[in-house]
Amino acid sequence: MKVLLINGSPNPEGCTYTALQEVASQIEKNGIETEIYHIGKQAVQGCIACHKCFELGRCVFNDKLYNDLLEHIKTADGIVIGSPVYYAGPNGALCAILDRLFFSASIHLTNKPAAAIVSCRRGGASAAFDRLNKYFTINQMPVITSQYWNSVHGMTPEEVKQDSEGLQTMRTLGNNMSWMLKTIADSKLPLPEREERIATNFIR
């Protein structure tokens, strides 16, 4: 089993990475492989609502970030997405790639356990956390919880390491993710039956 942890910060080893590393370490203690993927600092193409993915089965833009993340998602059993908090929301570059991935590649995400974590200096954590969780709930992904909302506080990695409650929340999240993955692996129950999708536009 493997958990993919996506670092949505432009800083490869900053506060968000510090929190993700705490989650990953706990998952590995439970005998499950982890990988932290950093989205980088480059500009990220957003979704343009062309709907070509309905025909292609993937996003129309053939960029390396999308291709890499899609391949990592295909082989992951669980997903954790981490982001810094910018104006009470996740990093815009992260949301741009997630919009494309979750819209065009939902078949590779459905039923995979997922969790979000956020890192902030002071405020805005709950709003950013809520935004990220919406990606999971619209794709029928079991959302893994912890003992508190999944956030750490600090301006630097050193300050995050002083957030004892935040780090404990990350470790609890790692344990809960591990438990869920093992429970699913041991289950003989089939996945829930899916109805054909009904989409309405609030008009008649």
C-alpha atoms as a PDB file:
ATOM      1  CA  MET A   1       0.000   0.000   0.000  1.00  0.00           C
ATOM      2  CA  LYS A   2       1.103   3.546  -0.677  1.00  0.00           C
ATOM      3  CA  VAL A   3       0.000   7.039   0.335  1.00  0.00           C
ATOM      4  CA  LEU A   4       0.741  10.003  -1.927  1.00  0.00           C
ATOM      5  CA  LEU A   5       1.246  13.272  -0.057  1.00  0.00           C
ATOM      6  CA  ILE A   6       1.039  16.356  -2.288  1.00  0.00           C
ATOM      7  CA  ASN A   7       2.983  19.402  -1.121  1.00  0.00           C
ATOM      8  CA  GLY A   8       1.046  22.351  -2.543  1.00  0.00           C
ATOM      9  CA  SER A   9       3.499  24.937  -1.248  1.00  0.00           C
ATOM     10  CA  PRO A  10       5.989  26.697  -3.517  1.00  0.00           C
ATOM     11  CA  ASN A  11       8.600  25.977  -0.823  1.00  0.00           C
ATOM     12  CA  PRO A  12       9.831  22.380  -1.057  1.00  0.00           C
ATOM     13  CA  GLU A  13      10.800  22.031   2.613  1.00  0.00           C
ATOM     14  CA  GLY A  14       8.803  24.754   4.357  1.00  0.00           C
ATOM     15  CA  CYS A  15       5.980  24.649   6.890  1.00  0.00           C
ATOM     16  CA  THR A  16       3.606  22.553   4.766  1.00  0.00           C
ATOM     17  CA  TYR A  17       6.334  19.986   4.103  1.00  0.00           C
ATOM     18  CA  THR A  18       7.094  19.838   7.835  1.00  0.00           C
ATOM     19  CA  ALA A  19       3.468  18.940   8.565  1.00  0.00           C
ATOM     20  CA  LEU A  20       3.276  16.419   5.714  1.00  0.00           C
ATOM     21  CA  GLN A  21       6.494  14.795   6.890  1.00  0.00           C
ATOM     22  CA  GLU A  22       4.951  14.276  10.324  1.00  0.00           C
ATOM     23  CA  VAL A  23       1.957  12.542   8.717  1.00  0.00           C
ATOM     24  CA  ALA A  24       4.193  10.471   6.444  1.00  0.00           C
ATOM     25  CA  SER A  25       6.449   9.338   9.281  1.00  0.00           C
ATOM     26  CA  GLN A  26       3.467   8.036  11.230  1.00  0.00           C
ATOM     27  CA  ILE A  27       2.068   6.228   8.184  1.00  0.00           C
ATOM     28  CA  GLU A  28       5.442   4.565   7.606  1.00  0.00           C
ATOM     29  CA  LYS A  29       5.502   3.445  11.254  1.00  0.00           C
ATOM     30  CA  ASN A  30       2.338   1.551  10.374  1.00  0.00           C
ATOM     31  CA  GLY A  31       4.162  -0.290   7.585  1.00  0.00           C
ATOM     32  CA  ILE A  32       2.743   1.683   4.656  1.00  0.00           C
ATOM     33  CA  GLU A  33       4.863   3.313   1.962  1.00  0.00           C
ATOM     34  CA  THR A  34       4.664   7.089   1.435  1.00  0.00           C
ATOM     35  CA  GLU A  35       5.819   9.599  -1.145  1.00  0.00           C
ATOM     36  CA  ILE A  36       5.784  13.391  -0.871  1.00  0.00           C
ATOM     37  CA  TYR A  37       5.314  15.107  -4.235  1.00  0.00           C
ATOM     38  CA  HIS A  38       6.172  18.815  -4.494  1.00  0.00           C
ATOM     39  CA  ILE A  39       4.227  20.760  -7.132  1.00  0.00           C
ATOM     40  CA  GLY A  40       7.010  23.330  -7.461  1.00  0.00           C
ATOM     41  CA  LYS A  41       7.148  27.040  -8.213  1.00  0.00           C
ATOM     42  CA  GLN A  42       6.268  27.074 -11.903  1.00  0.00           C
ATOM     43  CA  ALA A  43       3.125  28.698 -13.273  1.00  0.00           C
ATOM     44  CA  VAL A  44       0.244  26.222 -13.387  1.00  0.00           C
ATOM     45  CA  GLN A  45      -2.372  26.139 -16.123  1.00  0.00           C
ATOM     46  CA  GLY A  46      -5.907  26.254 -14.780  1.00  0.00           C
ATOM     47  CA  CYS A  47      -9.037  24.577 -16.120  1.00  0.00           C
ATOM     48  CA  ILE A  48     -10.620  26.400 -19.081  1.00  0.00           C
ATOM     49  CA  ALA A  49     -13.894  24.417 -19.045  1.00  0.00           C
ATOM     50  CA  CYS A  50     -13.371  23.131 -22.607  1.00  0.00           C
ATOM     51  CA  HIS A  51     -14.734  19.679 -21.626  1.00  0.00           C
ATOM     52  CA  LYS A  52     -12.224  17.958 -23.932  1.00  0.00           C
ATOM     53  CA  CYS A  53     -11.399  15.649 -21.040  1.00  0.00           C
ATOM     54  CA  PHE A  54     -14.803  13.997 -21.606  1.00  0.00           C
ATOM     55  CA  GLU A  55     -13.490  12.857 -24.988  1.00  0.00           C
ATOM     56  CA  LEU A  56      -9.836  12.263 -24.110  1.00  0.00           C
ATOM     57  CA  GLY A  57     -10.150  10.752 -20.623  1.00  0.00           C
ATOM     58  CA  ARG A  58      -7.520  13.245 -19.459  1.00  0.00           C
ATOM     59  CA  CYS A  59      -6.887  16.991 -19.490  1.00  0.00           C
ATOM     60  CA  VAL A  60      -6.352  18.577 -22.896  1.00  0.00           C
ATOM     61  CA  PHE A  61      -3.180  20.280 -21.617  1.00  0.00           C
ATOM     62  CA  ASN A  62      -0.229  17.893 -21.843  1.00  0.00           C
ATOM     63  CA  ASP A  63       1.985  19.483 -19.188  1.00  0.00           C
ATOM     64  CA  LYS A  64       4.488  17.641 -17.013  1.00  0.00           C
ATOM     65  CA  LEU A  65       2.905  18.514 -13.650  1.00  0.00           C
ATOM     66  CA  TYR A  66      -0.485  17.114 -14.633  1.00  0.00           C
ATOM     67  CA  ASN A  67       1.029  14.002 -16.231  1.00  0.00           C
ATOM     68  CA  ASP A  68       3.287  13.290 -13.249  1.00  0.00           C
ATOM     69  CA  LEU A  69       0.563  13.762 -10.662  1.00  0.00           C
ATOM     70  CA  LEU A  70      -1.903  11.658 -12.617  1.00  0.00           C
ATOM     71  CA  GLU A  71       0.532   8.734 -12.749  1.00  0.00           C
ATOM     72  CA  HIS A  72       1.255   9.061  -9.026  1.00  0.00           C
ATOM     73  CA  ILE A  73      -2.471   9.180  -8.228  1.00  0.00           C
ATOM     74  CA  LYS A  74      -3.150   6.057 -10.275  1.00  0.00           C
ATOM     75  CA  THR A  75      -0.768   4.014  -8.121  1.00  0.00           C
ATOM     76  CA  ALA A  76      -1.681   5.546  -4.749  1.00  0.00           C
ATOM     77  CA  ASP A  77      -4.076   3.873  -2.323  1.00  0.00           C
ATOM     78  CA  GLY A  78      -4.571   7.017  -0.259  1.00  0.00           C
ATOM     79  CA  ILE A  79      -3.964  10.735  -0.783  1.00  0.00           C
ATOM     80  CA  VAL A  80      -3.042  13.614   1.530  1.00  0.00           C
ATOM     81  CA  ILE A  81      -3.018  17.149   0.124  1.00  0.00           C
ATOM     82  CA  GLY A  82      -1.204  19.905   1.981  1.00  0.00           C
ATOM     83  CA  SER A  83      -1.242  23.638   1.372  1.00  0.00           C
ATOM     84  CA  PRO A  84      -0.136  26.888   2.938  1.00  0.00           C
ATOM     85  CA  VAL A  85      -2.932  29.338   3.711  1.00  0.00           C
ATOM     86  CA  TYR A  86      -3.097  32.399   1.454  1.00  0.00           C
ATOM     87  CA  TYR A  87      -5.902  34.862   2.204  1.00  0.00           C
ATOM     88  CA  ALA A  88      -7.874  32.149   4.024  1.00  0.00           C
ATOM     89  CA  GLY A  89      -7.571  29.754   1.067  1.00  0.00           C
ATOM     90  CA  PRO A  90      -5.180  27.177  -0.395  1.00  0.00           C
ATOM     91  CA  ASN A  91      -2.353  28.125  -2.757  1.00  0.00           C
ATOM     92  CA  GLY A  92      -3.836  29.167  -6.121  1.00  0.00           C
ATOM     93  CA  ALA A  93      -1.372  27.058  -8.107  1.00  0.00           C
ATOM     94  CA  LEU A  94      -2.409  23.995  -6.123  1.00  0.00           C
ATOM     95  CA  CYS A  95      -6.107  24.661  -6.740  1.00  0.00           C
ATOM     96  CA  ALA A  96      -5.419  25.137 -10.465  1.00  0.00           C
ATOM     97  CA  ILE A  97      -3.909  21.666 -10.837  1.00  0.00           C
ATOM     98  CA  LEU A  98      -6.455  20.057  -8.499  1.00  0.00           C
ATOM     99  CA  ASP A  99      -9.349  21.543 -10.510  1.00  0.00           C
ATOM    100  CA  ARG A 100      -8.002  19.843 -13.613  1.00  0.00           C
ATOM    101  CA  LEU A 101      -7.142  16.536 -11.962  1.00  0.00           C
ATOM    102  CA  PHE A 102     -10.357  16.084 -10.036  1.00  0.00           C
ATOM    103  CA  PHE A 103     -12.515  17.039 -13.023  1.00  0.00           C
ATOM    104  CA  SER A 104     -10.706  15.033 -15.688  1.00  0.00           C
ATOM    105  CA  ALA A 105      -9.429  12.031 -13.725  1.00  0.00           C
ATOM    106  CA  SER A 106     -12.090  11.353 -11.102  1.00  0.00           C
ATOM    107  CA  ILE A 107     -12.162   7.672 -12.079  1.00  0.00           C
ATOM    108  CA  HIS A 108      -8.699   7.322 -10.505  1.00  0.00           C
ATOM    109  CA  LEU A 109      -9.752   9.096  -7.294  1.00  0.00           C
ATOM    110  CA  THR A 110     -13.155   7.678  -6.388  1.00  0.00           C
ATOM    111  CA  ASN A 111     -13.200   5.524  -3.215  1.00  0.00           C
ATOM    112  CA  LYS A 112      -9.586   6.333  -2.286  1.00  0.00           C
ATOM    113  CA  PRO A 113      -9.235   7.619   1.307  1.00  0.00           C
ATOM    114  CA  ALA A 114      -8.073  11.226   1.382  1.00  0.00           C
ATOM    115  CA  ALA A 115      -7.201  14.006   3.784  1.00  0.00           C
ATOM    116  CA  ALA A 116      -6.195  17.658   3.661  1.00  0.00           C
ATOM    117  CA  ILE A 117      -3.759  19.515   5.875  1.00  0.00           C
ATOM    118  CA  VAL A 118      -3.052  23.254   5.965  1.00  0.00           C
ATOM    119  CA  SER A 119      -0.316  25.424   7.403  1.00  0.00           C
ATOM    120  CA  CYS A 120      -0.831  29.020   8.447  1.00  0.00           C
ATOM    121  CA  ARG A 121       0.880  31.736  10.408  1.00  0.00           C
ATOM    122  CA  ARG A 122      -2.221  32.660  12.380  1.00  0.00           C
ATOM    123  CA  GLY A 123      -5.711  32.585  10.789  1.00  0.00           C
ATOM    124  CA  GLY A 124      -7.629  31.307   7.782  1.00  0.00           C
ATOM    125  CA  ALA A 125      -6.872  27.631   8.373  1.00  0.00           C
ATOM    126  CA  SER A 126     -10.482  26.435   8.644  1.00  0.00           C
ATOM    127  CA  ALA A 127     -11.563  28.096   5.384  1.00  0.00           C
ATOM    128  CA  ALA A 128      -8.594  26.662   3.467  1.00  0.00           C
ATOM    129  CA  PHE A 129      -9.144  23.231   5.021  1.00  0.00           C
ATOM    130  CA  ASP A 130     -12.818  23.304   4.017  1.00  0.00           C
ATOM    131  CA  ARG A 131     -11.968  24.220   0.413  1.00  0.00           C
ATOM    132  CA  LEU A 132      -9.598  21.279   0.020  1.00  0.00           C
ATOM    133  CA  ASN A 133     -12.039  18.805   1.542  1.00  0.00           C
ATOM    134  CA  LYS A 134     -14.600  19.692  -1.116  1.00  0.00           C
ATOM    135  CA  TYR A 135     -12.390  18.046  -3.752  1.00  0.00           C
ATOM    136  CA  PHE A 136     -12.774  14.759  -1.883  1.00  0.00           C
ATOM    137  CA  THR A 137     -16.463  14.892  -1.055  1.00  0.00           C
ATOM    138  CA  ILE A 138     -17.501  15.503  -4.668  1.00  0.00           C
ATOM    139  CA  ASN A 139     -15.514  12.442  -5.765  1.00  0.00           C
ATOM    140  CA  GLN A 140     -16.879   9.925  -3.232  1.00  0.00           C
ATOM    141  CA  MET A 141     -13.564   9.716  -1.404  1.00  0.00           C
ATOM    142  CA  PRO A 142     -13.656   8.700   2.278  1.00  0.00           C
ATOM    143  CA  VAL A 143     -12.354  11.690   4.233  1.00  0.00           C
ATOM    144  CA  ILE A 144      -9.880  10.779   6.960  1.00  0.00           C
ATOM    145  CA  THR A 145     -10.209  12.774  10.146  1.00  0.00           C
ATOM    146  CA  SER A 146      -7.973  13.496  13.109  1.00  0.00           C
ATOM    147  CA  GLN A 147      -8.419  14.766  16.662  1.00  0.00           C
ATOM    148  CA  TYR A 148      -8.817  18.385  15.496  1.00  0.00           C
ATOM    149  CA  TRP A 149      -8.949  20.250  12.194  1.00  0.00           C
ATOM    150  CA  ASN A 150      -5.802  19.332  10.282  1.00  0.00           C
ATOM    151  CA  SER A 151      -3.719  22.471  10.664  1.00  0.00           C
ATOM    152  CA  VAL A 152      -0.349  23.529  11.980  1.00  0.00           C
ATOM    153  CA  HIS A 153       0.737  27.037  12.877  1.00  0.00           C
ATOM    154  CA  GLY A 154       4.026  28.832  12.399  1.00  0.00           C
ATOM    155  CA  MET A 155       5.904  31.171  10.077  1.00  0.00           C
ATOM    156  CA  THR A 156       8.895  28.843   9.694  1.00  0.00           C
ATOM    157  CA  PRO A 157       9.454  25.073   9.897  1.00  0.00           C
ATOM    158  CA  GLU A 158      11.158  25.650  13.247  1.00  0.00           C
ATOM    159  CA  GLU A 159       8.012  27.338  14.574  1.00  0.00           C
ATOM    160  CA  VAL A 160       5.808  24.550  13.217  1.00  0.00           C
ATOM    161  CA  LYS A 161       7.932  22.053  15.129  1.00  0.00           C
ATOM    162  CA  GLN A 162       6.969  23.942  18.299  1.00  0.00           C
ATOM    163  CA  ASP A 163       3.254  23.444  17.594  1.00  0.00           C
ATOM    164  CA  SER A 164       2.887  20.337  19.741  1.00  0.00           C
ATOM    165  CA  GLU A 165      -0.867  20.021  19.292  1.00  0.00           C
ATOM    166  CA  GLY A 166      -0.655  20.569  15.549  1.00  0.00           C
ATOM    167  CA  LEU A 167       2.014  17.892  15.158  1.00  0.00           C
ATOM    168  CA  GLN A 168       0.021  15.471  17.289  1.00  0.00           C
ATOM    169  CA  THR A 169      -2.963  16.138  15.016  1.00  0.00           C
ATOM    170  CA  MET A 170      -0.751  15.196  12.051  1.00  0.00           C
ATOM    171  CA  ARG A 171       0.358  11.961  13.722  1.00  0.00           C
ATOM    172  CA  THR A 172      -3.211  11.038  14.603  1.00  0.00           C
ATOM    173  CA  LEU A 173      -4.153  11.673  10.977  1.00  0.00           C
ATOM    174  CA  GLY A 174      -1.349   9.336   9.871  1.00  0.00           C
ATOM    175  CA  ASN A 175      -2.598   6.606  12.195  1.00  0.00           C
ATOM    176  CA  ASN A 176      -6.195   7.033  11.041  1.00  0.00           C
ATOM    177  CA  MET A 177      -5.194   6.933   7.373  1.00  0.00           C
ATOM    178  CA  SER A 178      -3.213   3.753   8.001  1.00  0.00           C
ATOM    179  CA  TRP A 179      -6.105   2.134   9.845  1.00  0.00           C
ATOM    180  CA  MET A 180      -8.548   2.963   7.055  1.00  0.00           C
ATOM    181  CA  LEU A 181      -6.265   1.610   4.322  1.00  0.00           C
ATOM    182  CA  LYS A 182      -5.706  -1.639   6.208  1.00  0.00           C
ATOM    183  CA  THR A 183      -9.415  -1.968   6.940  1.00  0.00           C
ATOM    184  CA  ILE A 184     -10.264  -1.541   3.254  1.00  0.00           C
ATOM    185  CA  ALA A 185      -7.545  -4.011   2.238  1.00  0.00           C
ATOM    186  CA  ASP A 186      -8.904  -6.621   4.667  1.00  0.00           C
ATOM    187  CA  SER A 187     -12.541  -6.100   3.674  1.00  0.00           C
ATOM    188  CA  LYS A 188     -14.342  -8.567   1.443  1.00  0.00           C
ATOM    189  CA  LEU A 189     -17.182  -6.154   0.773  1.00  0.00           C
ATOM    190  CA  PRO A 190     -17.569  -4.857  -2.804  1.00  0.00           C
ATOM    191  CA  LEU A 191     -17.445  -1.130  -3.478  1.00  0.00           C
ATOM    192  CA  PRO A 192     -20.821   0.659  -3.332  1.00  0.00           C
ATOM    193  CA  GLU A 193     -22.938   0.372  -6.473  1.00  0.00           C
ATOM    194  CA  ARG A 194     -22.910   3.611  -8.455  1.00  0.00           C
ATOM    195  CA  GLU A 195     -25.978   5.026 -10.144  1.00  0.00           C
ATOM    196  CA  GLU A 196     -25.728   6.734 -13.494  1.00  0.00           C
ATOM    197  CA  ARG A 197     -24.920  10.365 -12.819  1.00  0.00           C
ATOM    198  CA  ILE A 198     -27.781  12.872 -12.793  1.00  0.00           C
ATOM    199  CA  ALA A 199     -26.784  16.508 -13.347  1.00  0.00           C
ATOM    200  CA  THR A 200     -29.237  19.381 -13.149  1.00  0.00           C
ATOM    201  CA  ASN A 201     -28.561  23.052 -13.726  1.00  0.00           C
ATOM    202  CA  PHE A 202     -31.355  24.394 -11.473  1.00  0.00           C
ATOM    203  CA  ILE A 203     -33.548  25.126 -14.474  1.00  0.00           C
ATOM    204  CA  ARG A 204     -36.520  23.336 -15.995  1.00  0.00           C
END
